Structure formats: structure tokens, C-alpha cells
């Protein structure tokens, strides 16, 4: 694969992740089904110690829909790194007024053919 192809894959991945992040910023999950592959897999942040595993578009969309629309919550996106079909999203999930009412974490994402196929979430522990 030449560098031109890698650059295009990286740009395509960045666009999918930008659209995905917008879902949470707008609290509007309507675009999720168009972003998620049929065979998508989420390795979630909870329950400890290894998180839950969700398989398939319907399960993944339902999980993210709940997060995007949970009353009184929001995500602050701190950083994004994209290389090829992989992306790393650093975020803070806020569920109250103070910094103590939040948690920081990271998602390791993989995109194939313009759709999210993998999301592995990790949070900072106490």
C-alpha cells in the first residue's frame, strides 16, 4: 500500500470519527446506524475488571444511543489521533456540576469501509 492510500484511509477514518463525535456533542443519535458496521464490537468500560462486550450493529447503536441521550450528561472531547483505519479518542464524561462528577477515558476505534467496526473503551480508575 503506498502512502497516498494510507493518507486517504486516515482522512476517511477521521471523517467517520468526526461524525461519531458529533452525535455526542449534539445529543442526537440519529446518525449512529449509518456509522456502525453490522459486525461492530464494543468492549465497554464496565463492569470491572474487563468491561462488557457488545456485538452487532443493534447492540452497539443502542449502547451509544443511551450515552448520547442520557439526561444531564455530556462528553468533552480532549484529543483525537488517527492513523490509517485506527483512531484514539481521549474524552471526559461529565455527569454533574463538579470535576468529581466526571471521569476521563479513551476509546480505541477501528473503521472499515467507512463504518466503525471496533471500539474498546478504557477509563481512569481510582
C-alpha atoms as a PDB file:
ATOM      1  CA  UNK A   1       0.000   0.000   0.000  1.00  0.00           C
ATOM      2  CA  UNK A   2       1.512   3.355  -0.954  1.00  0.00           C
ATOM      3  CA  UNK A   3       1.495   6.433   1.270  1.00  0.00           C
ATOM      4  CA  UNK A   4      -1.273   8.056  -0.790  1.00  0.00           C
ATOM      5  CA  UNK A   5      -3.603   5.216   0.131  1.00  0.00           C
ATOM      6  CA  UNK A   6      -2.678   5.474   3.829  1.00  0.00           C
ATOM      7  CA  UNK A   7      -3.318   9.221   3.739  1.00  0.00           C
ATOM      8  CA  UNK A   8      -6.772   8.667   2.190  1.00  0.00           C
ATOM      9  CA  UNK A   9      -7.650   5.895   4.678  1.00  0.00           C
ATOM     10  CA  UNK A  10      -6.570   8.185   7.529  1.00  0.00           C
ATOM     11  CA  UNK A  11      -8.695  11.052   6.158  1.00  0.00           C
ATOM     12  CA  UNK A  12     -11.703   8.742   5.719  1.00  0.00           C
ATOM     13  CA  UNK A  13     -11.300   7.381   9.260  1.00  0.00           C
ATOM     14  CA  UNK A  14     -11.010  10.914  10.661  1.00  0.00           C
ATOM     15  CA  UNK A  15     -14.269  11.902   8.940  1.00  0.00           C
ATOM     16  CA  UNK A  16     -16.169   8.887  10.344  1.00  0.00           C
ATOM     17  CA  UNK A  17     -14.871   9.626  13.849  1.00  0.00           C
ATOM     18  CA  UNK A  18     -15.734  13.341  13.493  1.00  0.00           C
ATOM     19  CA  UNK A  19     -19.322  12.383  12.608  1.00  0.00           C
ATOM     20  CA  UNK A  20     -19.387   9.896  15.506  1.00  0.00           C
ATOM     21  CA  UNK A  21     -18.167  12.557  17.966  1.00  0.00           C
ATOM     22  CA  UNK A  22     -20.798  14.985  16.650  1.00  0.00           C
ATOM     23  CA  UNK A  23     -23.530  12.539  17.743  1.00  0.00           C
ATOM     24  CA  UNK A  24     -22.457  13.036  21.369  1.00  0.00           C
ATOM     25  CA  UNK A  25     -21.888  16.775  21.090  1.00  0.00           C
ATOM     26  CA  UNK A  26     -25.379  17.300  19.640  1.00  0.00           C
ATOM     27  CA  UNK A  27     -27.031  14.613  21.826  1.00  0.00           C
ATOM     28  CA  UNK A  28     -28.586  13.341  18.573  1.00  0.00           C
ATOM     29  CA  UNK A  29     -28.043   9.625  17.883  1.00  0.00           C
ATOM     30  CA  UNK A  30     -29.958   9.599  14.591  1.00  0.00           C
ATOM     31  CA  UNK A  31     -26.766   9.215  12.514  1.00  0.00           C
ATOM     32  CA  UNK A  32     -25.424   6.248  14.506  1.00  0.00           C
ATOM     33  CA  UNK A  33     -26.909   3.442  12.357  1.00  0.00           C
ATOM     34  CA  UNK A  34     -25.212   4.902   9.267  1.00  0.00           C
ATOM     35  CA  UNK A  35     -21.827   4.905  11.048  1.00  0.00           C
ATOM     36  CA  UNK A  36     -21.812   1.435  12.600  1.00  0.00           C
ATOM     37  CA  UNK A  37     -20.970  -1.834  10.816  1.00  0.00           C
ATOM     38  CA  UNK A  38     -23.220  -4.899  11.126  1.00  0.00           C
ATOM     39  CA  UNK A  39     -20.342  -6.776  12.805  1.00  0.00           C
ATOM     40  CA  UNK A  40     -19.269  -3.954  15.137  1.00  0.00           C
ATOM     41  CA  UNK A  41     -17.860  -4.964  18.524  1.00  0.00           C
ATOM     42  CA  UNK A  42     -17.651  -2.795  21.641  1.00  0.00           C
ATOM     43  CA  UNK A  43     -15.541  -3.713  24.616  1.00  0.00           C
ATOM     44  CA  UNK A  44     -17.131  -1.415  27.179  1.00  0.00           C
ATOM     45  CA  UNK A  45     -15.614   0.301  30.207  1.00  0.00           C
ATOM     46  CA  UNK A  46     -17.859  -1.536  32.695  1.00  0.00           C
ATOM     47  CA  UNK A  47     -18.351  -3.827  34.516  1.00  0.00           C
ATOM     48  CA  UNK A  48     -14.941  -4.222  36.127  1.00  0.00           C
ATOM     49  CA  UNK A  49     -12.498  -5.717  35.656  1.00  0.00           C
ATOM     50  CA  UNK A  50     -12.716  -6.301  31.885  1.00  0.00           C
ATOM     51  CA  UNK A  51     -15.860  -4.497  30.739  1.00  0.00           C
ATOM     52  CA  UNK A  52     -18.810  -5.888  28.854  1.00  0.00           C
ATOM     53  CA  UNK A  53     -18.740  -6.971  25.230  1.00  0.00           C
ATOM     54  CA  UNK A  54     -21.436  -5.921  22.773  1.00  0.00           C
ATOM     55  CA  UNK A  55     -21.634  -7.486  19.317  1.00  0.00           C
ATOM     56  CA  UNK A  56     -23.582  -6.301  16.285  1.00  0.00           C
ATOM     57  CA  UNK A  57     -24.926  -3.005  14.991  1.00  0.00           C
ATOM     58  CA  UNK A  58     -28.142  -3.081  17.009  1.00  0.00           C
ATOM     59  CA  UNK A  59     -26.385  -3.648  20.347  1.00  0.00           C
ATOM     60  CA  UNK A  60     -23.701  -1.049  19.630  1.00  0.00           C
ATOM     61  CA  UNK A  61     -26.185   1.577  18.423  1.00  0.00           C
ATOM     62  CA  UNK A  62     -28.382   1.000  21.491  1.00  0.00           C
ATOM     63  CA  UNK A  63     -25.384   1.442  23.817  1.00  0.00           C
ATOM     64  CA  UNK A  64     -24.208   4.654  22.166  1.00  0.00           C
ATOM     65  CA  UNK A  65     -27.766   5.983  21.818  1.00  0.00           C
ATOM     66  CA  UNK A  66     -28.176   5.665  25.587  1.00  0.00           C
ATOM     67  CA  UNK A  67     -24.892   7.512  26.229  1.00  0.00           C
ATOM     68  CA  UNK A  68     -25.695  10.270  23.735  1.00  0.00           C
ATOM     69  CA  UNK A  69     -29.116  10.980  25.220  1.00  0.00           C
ATOM     70  CA  UNK A  70     -28.623  10.382  28.966  1.00  0.00           C
ATOM     71  CA  UNK A  71     -30.111  13.428  30.750  1.00  0.00           C
ATOM     72  CA  UNK A  72     -27.624  15.722  32.481  1.00  0.00           C
ATOM     73  CA  UNK A  73     -24.548  14.152  30.868  1.00  0.00           C
ATOM     74  CA  UNK A  74     -22.117  15.212  28.186  1.00  0.00           C
ATOM     75  CA  UNK A  75     -18.722  14.376  26.725  1.00  0.00           C
ATOM     76  CA  UNK A  76     -15.796  16.769  26.497  1.00  0.00           C
ATOM     77  CA  UNK A  77     -13.526  15.561  23.719  1.00  0.00           C
ATOM     78  CA  UNK A  78      -9.926  16.201  24.719  1.00  0.00           C
ATOM     79  CA  UNK A  79      -7.903  14.802  21.824  1.00  0.00           C
ATOM     80  CA  UNK A  80      -8.108  12.730  18.670  1.00  0.00           C
ATOM     81  CA  UNK A  81      -5.336  10.809  16.935  1.00  0.00           C
ATOM     82  CA  UNK A  82      -5.961   8.996  13.648  1.00  0.00           C
ATOM     83  CA  UNK A  83      -3.604   6.717  11.703  1.00  0.00           C
ATOM     84  CA  UNK A  84      -4.902   4.587   8.867  1.00  0.00           C
ATOM     85  CA  UNK A  85      -8.019   2.719   9.972  1.00  0.00           C
ATOM     86  CA  UNK A  86      -7.378   3.361  13.694  1.00  0.00           C
ATOM     87  CA  UNK A  87      -8.368   6.260  15.927  1.00  0.00           C
ATOM     88  CA  UNK A  88      -7.744   7.130  19.557  1.00  0.00           C
ATOM     89  CA  UNK A  89     -10.309   9.414  21.207  1.00  0.00           C
ATOM     90  CA  UNK A  90      -9.466  10.920  24.596  1.00  0.00           C
ATOM     91  CA  UNK A  91     -12.517  12.246  26.459  1.00  0.00           C
ATOM     92  CA  UNK A  92     -14.058  13.320  29.742  1.00  0.00           C
ATOM     93  CA  UNK A  93     -17.581  12.082  30.523  1.00  0.00           C
ATOM     94  CA  UNK A  94     -19.426  14.564  32.754  1.00  0.00           C
ATOM     95  CA  UNK A  95     -22.498  13.633  34.799  1.00  0.00           C
ATOM     96  CA  UNK A  96     -22.706  16.555  37.214  1.00  0.00           C
ATOM     97  CA  UNK A  97     -21.514  20.056  38.014  1.00  0.00           C
ATOM     98  CA  UNK A  98     -18.072  19.452  39.547  1.00  0.00           C
ATOM     99  CA  UNK A  99     -14.918  17.779  38.271  1.00  0.00           C
ATOM    100  CA  UNK A 100     -15.592  14.992  40.790  1.00  0.00           C
ATOM    101  CA  UNK A 101     -18.741  14.259  38.759  1.00  0.00           C
ATOM    102  CA  UNK A 102     -16.751  13.142  35.728  1.00  0.00           C
ATOM    103  CA  UNK A 103     -14.350  10.504  34.516  1.00  0.00           C
ATOM    104  CA  UNK A 104     -11.636  10.551  31.925  1.00  0.00           C
ATOM    105  CA  UNK A 105     -11.121   7.820  29.409  1.00  0.00           C
ATOM    106  CA  UNK A 106     -10.065   6.750  25.971  1.00  0.00           C
ATOM    107  CA  UNK A 107     -11.646   4.809  23.119  1.00  0.00           C
ATOM    108  CA  UNK A 108      -9.562   2.815  20.672  1.00  0.00           C
ATOM    109  CA  UNK A 109     -11.569   2.721  17.452  1.00  0.00           C
ATOM    110  CA  UNK A 110     -11.232   0.889  14.143  1.00  0.00           C
ATOM    111  CA  UNK A 111     -13.011   1.835  10.914  1.00  0.00           C
ATOM    112  CA  UNK A 112     -13.523  -0.349   7.837  1.00  0.00           C
ATOM    113  CA  UNK A 113     -15.171   0.780   4.598  1.00  0.00           C
ATOM    114  CA  UNK A 114     -16.458   3.957   6.234  1.00  0.00           C
ATOM    115  CA  UNK A 115     -18.043   2.185   9.221  1.00  0.00           C
ATOM    116  CA  UNK A 116     -16.972   1.695  12.826  1.00  0.00           C
ATOM    117  CA  UNK A 117     -16.161  -1.978  13.408  1.00  0.00           C
ATOM    118  CA  UNK A 118     -14.476  -1.861  16.808  1.00  0.00           C
ATOM    119  CA  UNK A 119     -14.496   0.318  19.905  1.00  0.00           C
ATOM    120  CA  UNK A 120     -12.545  -0.552  23.015  1.00  0.00           C
ATOM    121  CA  UNK A 121     -13.192   1.801  25.958  1.00  0.00           C
ATOM    122  CA  UNK A 122     -10.940   2.391  28.954  1.00  0.00           C
ATOM    123  CA  UNK A 123     -11.348   4.737  31.932  1.00  0.00           C
ATOM    124  CA  UNK A 124      -9.019   6.020  34.609  1.00  0.00           C
ATOM    125  CA  UNK A 125      -9.550   4.155  37.879  1.00  0.00           C
ATOM    126  CA  UNK A 126      -9.415   5.363  41.434  1.00  0.00           C
END
